[in-house]
Amino acid sequence: MSPKRFREIRLGLDLTQEDAALVLGVADKTVISRYEAGGRRPSNLMSAVMEVLASLPKKESQKLIDLLLKQMRKIKKDSDE
């Protein structure tokens, strides 16, 4: 996935870099910034997740993103304890 496409999808999904990092399970927004700048490439799985989210109707993609964010925040909180 090109850096331009990655950013285009993220913005189309109204995701901040921080939320995209959380949804995709990467360390932080710096990783997302590097994907978008071309310094790193997202894994095939991350690219597929982004493309699937982009292919869904807006309402469905937002629902899935909300579920993923909720679950990832819970996992992160549990691992910090």
Protein backbone atom coordinates (compact mmCIF):
# COMPACT_ATOMS: atom_id res chain seq x y z
CA MET A 1 0.00 0.00 0.00
CA SER A 2 1.36 3.38 -0.94
CA PRO A 3 1.84 6.03 1.74
CA LYS A 4 -0.65 8.24 -0.12
CA ARG A 5 -3.30 5.49 -0.16
CA PHE A 6 -2.79 4.74 3.53
CA ARG A 7 -3.28 8.40 4.47
CA GLU A 8 -6.23 8.75 2.10
CA ILE A 9 -8.01 5.82 3.75
CA ARG A 10 -7.22 7.00 7.28
CA LEU A 11 -8.56 10.47 6.58
CA GLY A 12 -11.60 9.07 4.80
CA LEU A 13 -12.36 7.04 7.92
CA ASP A 14 -11.96 10.15 10.10
CA LEU A 15 -9.24 8.44 12.11
CA THR A 16 -6.52 10.36 13.89
CA GLN A 17 -3.05 8.89 13.66
CA GLU A 18 -3.38 7.93 17.32
CA ASP A 19 -6.67 6.06 16.77
CA ALA A 20 -5.32 4.38 13.63
CA ALA A 21 -2.34 3.15 15.67
CA LEU A 22 -4.68 1.75 18.29
CA VAL A 23 -6.98 0.05 15.75
CA LEU A 24 -4.02 -1.49 13.92
CA GLY A 25 -2.19 -2.52 17.09
CA VAL A 26 1.01 -0.54 16.55
CA ALA A 27 3.01 1.25 19.23
CA ASP A 28 1.85 4.82 18.64
CA LYS A 29 1.04 7.52 16.11
CA THR A 30 4.71 7.80 15.14
CA VAL A 31 4.42 4.45 13.36
CA ILE A 32 1.40 5.70 11.40
CA SER A 33 3.27 8.89 10.54
CA ARG A 34 6.16 6.80 9.19
CA TYR A 35 3.75 4.76 7.04
CA GLU A 36 2.32 7.94 5.59
CA ALA A 37 5.76 9.47 4.99
CA GLY A 38 7.03 6.33 3.30
CA GLY A 39 9.61 5.56 5.98
CA ARG A 40 7.96 2.24 6.83
CA ARG A 41 5.49 -0.05 5.12
CA PRO A 42 2.40 -1.43 6.84
CA SER A 43 2.14 -5.19 6.98
CA ASN A 44 -0.08 -6.97 4.48
CA LEU A 45 -2.63 -7.55 7.25
CA MET A 46 -2.72 -3.84 8.15
CA SER A 47 -3.11 -2.91 4.50
CA ALA A 48 -5.96 -5.42 4.15
CA VAL A 49 -7.71 -4.08 7.27
CA MET A 50 -7.48 -0.53 5.96
CA GLU A 51 -8.82 -1.53 2.52
CA VAL A 52 -11.69 -3.53 4.06
CA LEU A 53 -12.65 -0.61 6.30
CA ALA A 54 -12.51 1.72 3.30
CA SER A 55 -14.73 -0.60 1.25
CA LEU A 56 -17.54 -0.68 3.82
CA PRO A 57 -20.37 1.84 3.90
CA LYS A 58 -19.41 4.71 6.23
CA LYS A 59 -21.87 3.68 8.95
CA GLU A 60 -20.60 0.10 9.01
CA SER A 61 -16.92 1.06 9.00
CA GLN A 62 -17.51 3.49 11.87
CA LYS A 63 -19.31 0.81 13.86
CA LEU A 64 -16.43 -1.61 13.36
CA ILE A 65 -13.83 1.05 14.19
CA ASP A 66 -15.71 1.90 17.40
CA LEU A 67 -15.74 -1.78 18.40
CA LEU A 68 -12.03 -2.16 17.64
CA LEU A 69 -11.13 1.00 19.56
CA LYS A 70 -13.15 -0.12 22.57
CA GLN A 71 -11.53 -3.55 22.60
CA MET A 72 -8.00 -2.27 22.02
CA ARG A 73 -8.36 0.33 24.80
CA LYS A 74 -9.49 -2.44 27.15
CA ILE A 75 -6.56 -4.65 26.16
CA LYS A 76 -4.12 -1.78 26.59
CA LYS A 77 -5.56 -0.89 29.99
CA ASP A 78 -5.39 -4.53 31.14
CA SER A 79 -1.78 -4.85 30.02
CA ASP A 80 -0.80 -1.64 31.83
CA GLU A 81 -2.13 -2.94 35.14
